[in-house]
C-alpha atoms as a PDB file:
ATOM      1  CA  LEU A   1     -11.093  19.919  14.723  1.00  0.00           C
ATOM      2  CA  LEU A   2      -9.496  16.758  16.011  1.00  0.00           C
ATOM      3  CA  GLY A   3      -8.034  15.885  12.606  1.00  0.00           C
ATOM      4  CA  LEU A   4     -10.031  12.740  12.279  1.00  0.00           C
ATOM      5  CA  THR A   5     -10.330  11.288   8.750  1.00  0.00           C
ATOM      6  CA  PRO A   6     -13.802  10.007   7.869  1.00  0.00           C
ATOM      7  CA  ARG A   7     -13.911   6.300   7.198  1.00  0.00           C
ATOM      8  CA  LYS A   8     -13.978   5.668   3.483  1.00  0.00           C
ATOM      9  CA  THR A   9     -16.252   3.222   1.730  1.00  0.00           C
ATOM     10  CA  VAL A  10     -14.632   1.094  -0.993  1.00  0.00           C
ATOM     11  CA  LEU A  11     -16.337  -1.087  -3.682  1.00  0.00           C
ATOM     12  CA  VAL A  12     -14.388  -3.960  -5.177  1.00  0.00           C
ATOM     13  CA  THR A  13     -15.736  -6.004  -8.124  1.00  0.00           C
ATOM     14  CA  SER A  14     -14.680  -9.682  -8.735  1.00  0.00           C
ATOM     15  CA  ALA A  15     -14.190  -9.723  -4.938  1.00  0.00           C
ATOM     16  CA  ALA A  16     -13.742 -13.509  -4.843  1.00  0.00           C
ATOM     17  CA  GLY A  17     -10.987 -13.519  -7.582  1.00  0.00           C
ATOM     18  CA  GLY A  18      -7.271 -13.629  -6.951  1.00  0.00           C
ATOM     19  CA  ILE A  19      -6.937  -9.777  -7.119  1.00  0.00           C
ATOM     20  CA  GLY A  20     -10.181  -9.034  -5.336  1.00  0.00           C
ATOM     21  CA  ILE A  21      -9.362 -11.229  -2.360  1.00  0.00           C
ATOM     22  CA  VAL A  22      -6.112  -9.356  -1.714  1.00  0.00           C
ATOM     23  CA  ALA A  23      -7.566  -5.862  -2.612  1.00  0.00           C
ATOM     24  CA  GLY A  24     -10.391  -6.269  -0.042  1.00  0.00           C
ATOM     25  CA  GLN A  25      -7.918  -7.098   2.701  1.00  0.00           C
ATOM     26  CA  LEU A  26      -5.510  -4.291   1.837  1.00  0.00           C
ATOM     27  CA  TYR A  27      -8.225  -1.642   1.964  1.00  0.00           C
ATOM     28  CA  LYS A  28      -9.648  -3.285   5.220  1.00  0.00           C
ATOM     29  CA  ASN A  29      -6.181  -2.996   6.768  1.00  0.00           C
ATOM     30  CA  LYS A  30      -6.300   0.761   5.870  1.00  0.00           C
ATOM     31  CA  GLY A  31      -9.436   1.209   7.976  1.00  0.00           C
ATOM     32  CA  CYS A  32     -11.882   1.353   5.111  1.00  0.00           C
ATOM     33  CA  ARG A  33     -15.417  -0.171   4.942  1.00  0.00           C
ATOM     34  CA  VAL A  34     -15.196  -2.630   2.099  1.00  0.00           C
ATOM     35  CA  ILE A  35     -18.086  -3.920  -0.097  1.00  0.00           C
ATOM     36  CA  GLY A  36     -17.412  -6.663  -2.533  1.00  0.00           C
ATOM     37  CA  VAL A  37     -19.301  -7.916  -5.628  1.00  0.00           C
ATOM     38  CA  THR A  38     -19.162 -11.519  -6.714  1.00  0.00           C
ATOM     39  CA  SER A  39     -21.469 -13.964  -8.496  1.00  0.00           C
ATOM     40  CA  THR A  40     -23.268 -16.098  -5.941  1.00  0.00           C
ATOM     41  CA  ARG A  41     -24.475 -15.638  -2.396  1.00  0.00           C
ATOM     42  CA  ALA A  42     -22.282 -18.610  -1.183  1.00  0.00           C
ATOM     43  CA  LYS A  43     -19.208 -16.696  -2.488  1.00  0.00           C
ATOM     44  CA  ALA A  44     -20.493 -13.405  -1.196  1.00  0.00           C
ATOM     45  CA  ASP A  45     -20.757 -14.943   2.300  1.00  0.00           C
ATOM     46  CA  ARG A  46     -17.313 -16.470   2.012  1.00  0.00           C
ATOM     47  CA  VAL A  47     -15.537 -13.273   0.990  1.00  0.00           C
ATOM     48  CA  LYS A  48     -16.421 -11.852   4.419  1.00  0.00           C
ATOM     49  CA  GLU A  49     -13.714 -14.084   5.853  1.00  0.00           C
ATOM     50  CA  PHE A  50     -11.181 -11.956   3.744  1.00  0.00           C
ATOM     51  CA  GLY A  51     -11.821  -8.460   4.944  1.00  0.00           C
ATOM     52  CA  TYR A  52     -15.157  -7.598   3.361  1.00  0.00           C
ATOM     53  CA  ASP A  53     -17.834  -5.932   5.516  1.00  0.00           C
ATOM     54  CA  GLU A  54     -20.605  -6.619   3.046  1.00  0.00           C
ATOM     55  CA  ALA A  55     -20.836  -8.440  -0.303  1.00  0.00           C
ATOM     56  CA  ILE A  56     -23.336  -8.398  -3.231  1.00  0.00           C
ATOM     57  CA  ALA A  57     -24.209 -11.480  -5.290  1.00  0.00           C
ATOM     58  CA  TYR A  58     -24.860  -9.890  -8.665  1.00  0.00           C
ATOM     59  CA  LYS A  59     -26.472 -12.987 -10.210  1.00  0.00           C
ATOM     60  CA  GLU A  60     -29.012 -13.186  -7.374  1.00  0.00           C
ATOM     61  CA  GLU A  61     -29.662  -9.547  -6.542  1.00  0.00           C
ATOM     62  CA  ASP A  62     -29.681  -6.141  -8.236  1.00  0.00           C
ATOM     63  CA  MET A  63     -26.342  -4.550  -7.738  1.00  0.00           C
ATOM     64  CA  GLY A  64     -27.572  -1.029  -7.964  1.00  0.00           C
ATOM     65  CA  THR A  65     -30.345  -1.505  -5.469  1.00  0.00           C
ATOM     66  CA  ARG A  66     -28.040  -3.250  -3.012  1.00  0.00           C
ATOM     67  CA  LEU A  67     -25.458  -0.450  -3.325  1.00  0.00           C
ATOM     68  CA  GLY A  68     -28.147   2.032  -2.409  1.00  0.00           C
ATOM     69  CA  GLU A  69     -28.873   0.059   0.712  1.00  0.00           C
ATOM     70  CA  LEU A  70     -25.341  -0.786   1.714  1.00  0.00           C
ATOM     71  CA  ALA A  71     -23.808   2.646   0.974  1.00  0.00           C
ATOM     72  CA  PRO A  72     -26.551   5.274   0.922  1.00  0.00           C
ATOM     73  CA  GLU A  73     -23.990   8.025   1.322  1.00  0.00           C
ATOM     74  CA  GLY A  74     -21.998   6.869  -1.678  1.00  0.00           C
ATOM     75  CA  ILE A  75     -18.733   5.194  -2.638  1.00  0.00           C
ATOM     76  CA  ASP A  76     -15.374   6.909  -2.072  1.00  0.00           C
ATOM     77  CA  VAL A  77     -13.197   4.427  -3.994  1.00  0.00           C
ATOM     78  CA  PHE A  78     -14.276   1.948  -6.637  1.00  0.00           C
ATOM     79  CA  PHE A  79     -11.664  -0.744  -7.459  1.00  0.00           C
ATOM     80  CA  ASP A  80     -13.053  -2.275 -10.641  1.00  0.00           C
ATOM     81  CA  ASN A  81     -11.923  -5.647 -12.117  1.00  0.00           C
ATOM     82  CA  VAL A  82     -14.954  -6.134 -14.334  1.00  0.00           C
ATOM     83  CA  GLY A  83     -16.060  -3.194 -16.367  1.00  0.00           C
ATOM     84  CA  ALA A  84     -19.292  -3.086 -18.418  1.00  0.00           C
ATOM     85  CA  GLU A  85     -22.579  -3.190 -16.405  1.00  0.00           C
ATOM     86  CA  GLN A  86     -20.793  -3.423 -13.039  1.00  0.00           C
ATOM     87  CA  LEU A  87     -18.684  -0.356 -13.843  1.00  0.00           C
ATOM     88  CA  ASP A  88     -21.851   1.461 -14.769  1.00  0.00           C
ATOM     89  CA  ALA A  89     -23.734   0.341 -11.515  1.00  0.00           C
ATOM     90  CA  GLY A  90     -20.926   1.386  -9.370  1.00  0.00           C
ATOM     91  CA  SER A  91     -20.425   4.792 -11.074  1.00  0.00           C
ATOM     92  CA  LYS A  92     -24.043   5.741 -10.263  1.00  0.00           C
ATOM     93  CA  HIS A  93     -23.118   5.557  -6.504  1.00  0.00           C
ATOM     94  CA  MET A  94     -19.918   7.420  -6.312  1.00  0.00           C
ATOM     95  CA  LYS A  95     -19.449  10.331  -4.060  1.00  0.00           C
ATOM     96  CA  VAL A  96     -18.485  13.717  -5.373  1.00  0.00           C
ATOM     97  CA  GLY A  97     -14.747  13.656  -5.766  1.00  0.00           C
ATOM     98  CA  GLY A  98     -14.691   9.816  -5.547  1.00  0.00           C
ATOM     99  CA  LYS A  99     -12.035   7.713  -7.270  1.00  0.00           C
ATOM    100  CA  ILE A 100     -12.438   4.904  -9.836  1.00  0.00           C
ATOM    101  CA  VAL A 101      -9.414   2.602 -10.217  1.00  0.00           C
ATOM    102  CA  GLN A 102      -9.904   0.419 -13.338  1.00  0.00           C
ATOM    103  CA  VAL A 103      -7.694  -2.680 -13.198  1.00  0.00           C
ATOM    104  CA  GLY A 104      -9.518  -5.144 -15.340  1.00  0.00           C
ATOM    105  CA  CYS A 105     -12.527  -5.675 -17.606  1.00  0.00           C
ATOM    106  CA  ALA A 106     -13.341  -9.329 -17.211  1.00  0.00           C
ATOM    107  CA  ALA A 107     -16.896  -8.742 -18.509  1.00  0.00           C
ATOM    108  CA  GLU A 108     -15.525  -7.633 -21.941  1.00  0.00           C
ATOM    109  CA  ILE A 109     -13.298 -10.723 -22.599  1.00  0.00           C
ATOM    110  CA  ASP A 110     -15.734 -12.415 -24.963  1.00  0.00           C
ATOM    111  CA  ASN A 111     -16.326  -9.076 -26.739  1.00  0.00           C
ATOM    112  CA  TYR A 112     -12.737  -8.436 -27.865  1.00  0.00           C
ATOM    113  CA  ALA A 113     -12.999 -10.728 -30.894  1.00  0.00           C
ATOM    114  CA  THR A 114     -16.264  -9.161 -32.127  1.00  0.00           C
ATOM    115  CA  GLY A 115     -15.395  -5.569 -31.349  1.00  0.00           C
ATOM    116  CA  LYS A 116     -18.792  -5.171 -29.602  1.00  0.00           C
ATOM    117  CA  ILE A 117     -17.407  -3.700 -26.392  1.00  0.00           C
ATOM    118  CA  SER A 118     -20.061  -2.615 -23.869  1.00  0.00           C
ATOM    119  CA  GLY A 119     -17.718   0.172 -22.561  1.00  0.00           C
ATOM    120  CA  TRP A 120     -18.571   2.739 -19.912  1.00  0.00           C
ATOM    121  CA  LYS A 121     -21.971   4.197 -20.477  1.00  0.00           C
ATOM    122  CA  GLU A 122     -22.055   6.260 -17.284  1.00  0.00           C
ATOM    123  CA  TYR A 123     -18.924   8.213 -18.166  1.00  0.00           C
ATOM    124  CA  HIS A 124     -20.899  11.563 -17.908  1.00  0.00           C
ATOM    125  CA  ARG A 125     -20.874  11.279 -14.145  1.00  0.00           C
ATOM    126  CA  MET A 126     -17.112  11.897 -14.330  1.00  0.00           C
ATOM    127  CA  ALA A 127     -17.832  15.590 -14.780  1.00  0.00           C
ATOM    128  CA  ALA A 128     -20.945  15.883 -12.713  1.00  0.00           C
ATOM    129  CA  LYS A 129     -19.415  14.219  -9.683  1.00  0.00           C
ATOM    130  CA  GLU A 130     -15.792  15.385 -10.388  1.00  0.00           C
ATOM    131  CA  LEU A 131     -14.520  11.855 -10.266  1.00  0.00           C
ATOM    132  CA  GLN A 132     -10.894  10.960 -10.476  1.00  0.00           C
ATOM    133  CA  VAL A 133     -10.637   8.021 -12.871  1.00  0.00           C
ATOM    134  CA  GLY A 134      -7.460   6.102 -13.566  1.00  0.00           C
ATOM    135  CA  GLY A 135      -6.093   2.716 -14.487  1.00  0.00           C
ATOM    136  CA  PHE A 136      -3.451   0.304 -13.258  1.00  0.00           C
ATOM    137  CA  PHE A 137      -1.362  -2.137 -15.344  1.00  0.00           C
ATOM    138  CA  LEU A 138       1.248  -4.303 -13.530  1.00  0.00           C
ATOM    139  CA  ALA A 139       3.730  -4.217 -16.466  1.00  0.00           C
ATOM    140  CA  ASN A 140       4.160  -0.504 -15.875  1.00  0.00           C
ATOM    141  CA  HIS A 141       5.346  -1.008 -12.381  1.00  0.00           C
ATOM    142  CA  LEU A 142       7.687  -4.015 -12.481  1.00  0.00           C
ATOM    143  CA  HIS A 143      10.420  -2.038 -10.537  1.00  0.00           C
ATOM    144  CA  ARG A 144       8.008  -1.988  -7.467  1.00  0.00           C
ATOM    145  CA  ILE A 145       7.342  -5.748  -7.410  1.00  0.00           C
ATOM    146  CA  PRO A 146      10.144  -6.829  -5.128  1.00  0.00           C
ATOM    147  CA  MET A 147       9.212  -4.325  -2.372  1.00  0.00           C
ATOM    148  CA  ALA A 148       5.496  -5.088  -2.837  1.00  0.00           C
ATOM    149  CA  VAL A 149       6.159  -8.844  -2.477  1.00  0.00           C
ATOM    150  CA  ILE A 150       8.047  -8.258   0.733  1.00  0.00           C
ATOM    151  CA  SER A 151       5.327  -6.118   2.096  1.00  0.00           C
ATOM    152  CA  LEU A 152       2.757  -8.762   1.309  1.00  0.00           C
ATOM    153  CA  ILE A 153       4.771 -11.545   2.867  1.00  0.00           C
ATOM    154  CA  ILE A 154       5.178  -9.435   6.096  1.00  0.00           C
ATOM    155  CA  MET A 155       1.499  -8.915   6.208  1.00  0.00           C
ATOM    156  CA  ASN A 156       0.842 -12.601   5.654  1.00  0.00           C
ATOM    157  CA  LYS A 157       3.175 -13.528   8.468  1.00  0.00           C
ATOM    158  CA  ARG A 158       1.518 -11.051  10.855  1.00  0.00           C
ATOM    159  CA  GLY A 159      -1.850 -12.537   9.960  1.00  0.00           C
ATOM    160  CA  LYS A 160      -3.157  -9.449   8.271  1.00  0.00           C
ATOM    161  CA  LEU A 161      -3.369 -11.027   4.786  1.00  0.00           C
ATOM    162  CA  LYS A 162      -4.842 -14.370   3.972  1.00  0.00           C
ATOM    163  CA  SER A 163      -4.537 -16.188   0.696  1.00  0.00           C
ATOM    164  CA  VAL A 164      -6.775 -18.827  -0.891  1.00  0.00           C
ATOM    165  CA  ASN A 165      -6.326 -20.972  -3.988  1.00  0.00           C
ATOM    166  CA  THR A 166      -8.527 -23.217  -6.157  1.00  0.00           C
ATOM    167  CA  VAL A 167      -6.037 -25.960  -7.073  1.00  0.00           C
ATOM    168  CA  VAL A 168      -6.267 -28.040 -10.158  1.00  0.00           C
ATOM    169  CA  LYS A 169      -4.008 -31.006 -10.815  1.00  0.00           C
ATOM    170  CA  GLY A 170      -3.078 -31.792 -14.406  1.00  0.00           C
ATOM    171  CA  SER A 171      -0.762 -30.935 -17.195  1.00  0.00           C
ATOM    172  CA  TRP A 172      -0.181 -28.340 -19.883  1.00  0.00           C
ATOM    173  CA  ALA A 173      -3.082 -29.911 -21.792  1.00  0.00           C
ATOM    174  CA  ASP A 174      -5.404 -28.644 -19.029  1.00  0.00           C
ATOM    175  CA  PHE A 175      -4.305 -25.031 -19.254  1.00  0.00           C
ATOM    176  CA  THR A 176      -6.990 -23.882 -21.646  1.00  0.00           C
ATOM    177  CA  LYS A 177      -9.668 -25.551 -19.557  1.00  0.00           C
ATOM    178  CA  CYS A 178      -8.404 -23.711 -16.485  1.00  0.00           C
ATOM    179  CA  VAL A 179      -8.568 -20.430 -18.351  1.00  0.00           C
ATOM    180  CA  ASP A 180     -12.206 -21.180 -19.319  1.00  0.00           C
ATOM    181  CA  ARG A 181     -12.969 -22.144 -15.670  1.00  0.00           C
ATOM    182  CA  LEU A 182     -11.359 -18.998 -14.482  1.00  0.00           C
ATOM    183  CA  HIS A 183     -13.812 -16.916 -16.483  1.00  0.00           C
ATOM    184  CA  SER A 184     -16.890 -19.126 -15.659  1.00  0.00           C
ATOM    185  CA  GLY A 185     -16.842 -17.889 -12.056  1.00  0.00           C
ATOM    186  CA  ASP A 186     -16.831 -21.280 -10.309  1.00  0.00           C
ATOM    187  CA  THR A 187     -13.349 -20.649  -8.653  1.00  0.00           C
ATOM    188  CA  PHE A 188     -12.480 -18.891  -5.426  1.00  0.00           C
ATOM    189  CA  GLY A 189      -9.239 -16.907  -4.969  1.00  0.00           C
ATOM    190  CA  ARG A 190      -6.306 -17.700  -7.373  1.00  0.00           C
ATOM    191  CA  LEU A 191      -6.737 -20.660  -9.754  1.00  0.00           C
ATOM    192  CA  VAL A 192      -3.491 -22.791  -9.629  1.00  0.00           C
ATOM    193  CA  LEU A 193      -2.601 -25.484 -12.050  1.00  0.00           C
ATOM    194  CA  VAL A 194      -0.312 -28.045 -10.534  1.00  0.00           C
ATOM    195  CA  PHE A 195       1.372 -30.503 -12.799  1.00  0.00           C
ATOM    196  CA  ASP A 196       0.919 -34.173 -11.922  1.00  0.00           C
ATOM    197  CA  ASP A 197       4.341 -35.215 -13.093  1.00  0.00           C
ATOM    198  CA  GLN A 198       6.006 -32.277 -11.509  1.00  0.00           C
ATOM    199  CA  GLY A 199       4.415 -31.720  -8.071  1.00  0.00           C
ATOM    200  CA  SER A 200       6.594 -28.696  -7.435  1.00  0.00           C
ATOM    201  CA  THR A 201       5.646 -26.831 -10.578  1.00  0.00           C
ATOM    202  CA  ALA A 202       2.556 -24.719 -10.704  1.00  0.00           C
ATOM    203  CA  ILE A 203       0.965 -21.932 -12.778  1.00  0.00           C
ATOM    204  CA  GLY A 204      -1.199 -19.438 -10.992  1.00  0.00           C
ATOM    205  CA  ALA A 205      -3.864 -16.983 -12.412  1.00  0.00           C
END
């Protein structure tokens, strides 16, 4: 009667990655309750400094069980960076009419070469729960980048958006090692390679 909108519960996988860190804060600034998923308890505790209300350490606890405890009424929005088992676990806890935004599939990276893709085994829930499922690919929205960057800078200046980087000093020869490290899960936030001989040059991922 008062026109109040129920607070939405959002689930973000790879919460401690460069994208997850920002996504969690954006949803929090929208007034959502945000649950993150990351590898270890140490990282799960740390992401709470970046907008997350709760966080699950999937290597140390069962993701499905914890979702049932943290979001017994279900998930409204699932922002997925990982795919495979985590996509399946999150899908089981979606509310009727919930939305799944698929932006990455980090869990499948090693499977591309073999063709043995785990895929989305819980896709049948799309009909049963009338889910809205879609993807996002940055290259399809290049015209929006300038305004998006301006908005993020303003939020940062106002203290509503914090950034964090894992910085590695080296050279081009260290690039592949950084990519491997990025997928090993031992980084937090963006992974930035700073060239020793060109201190002002950096590559971020």
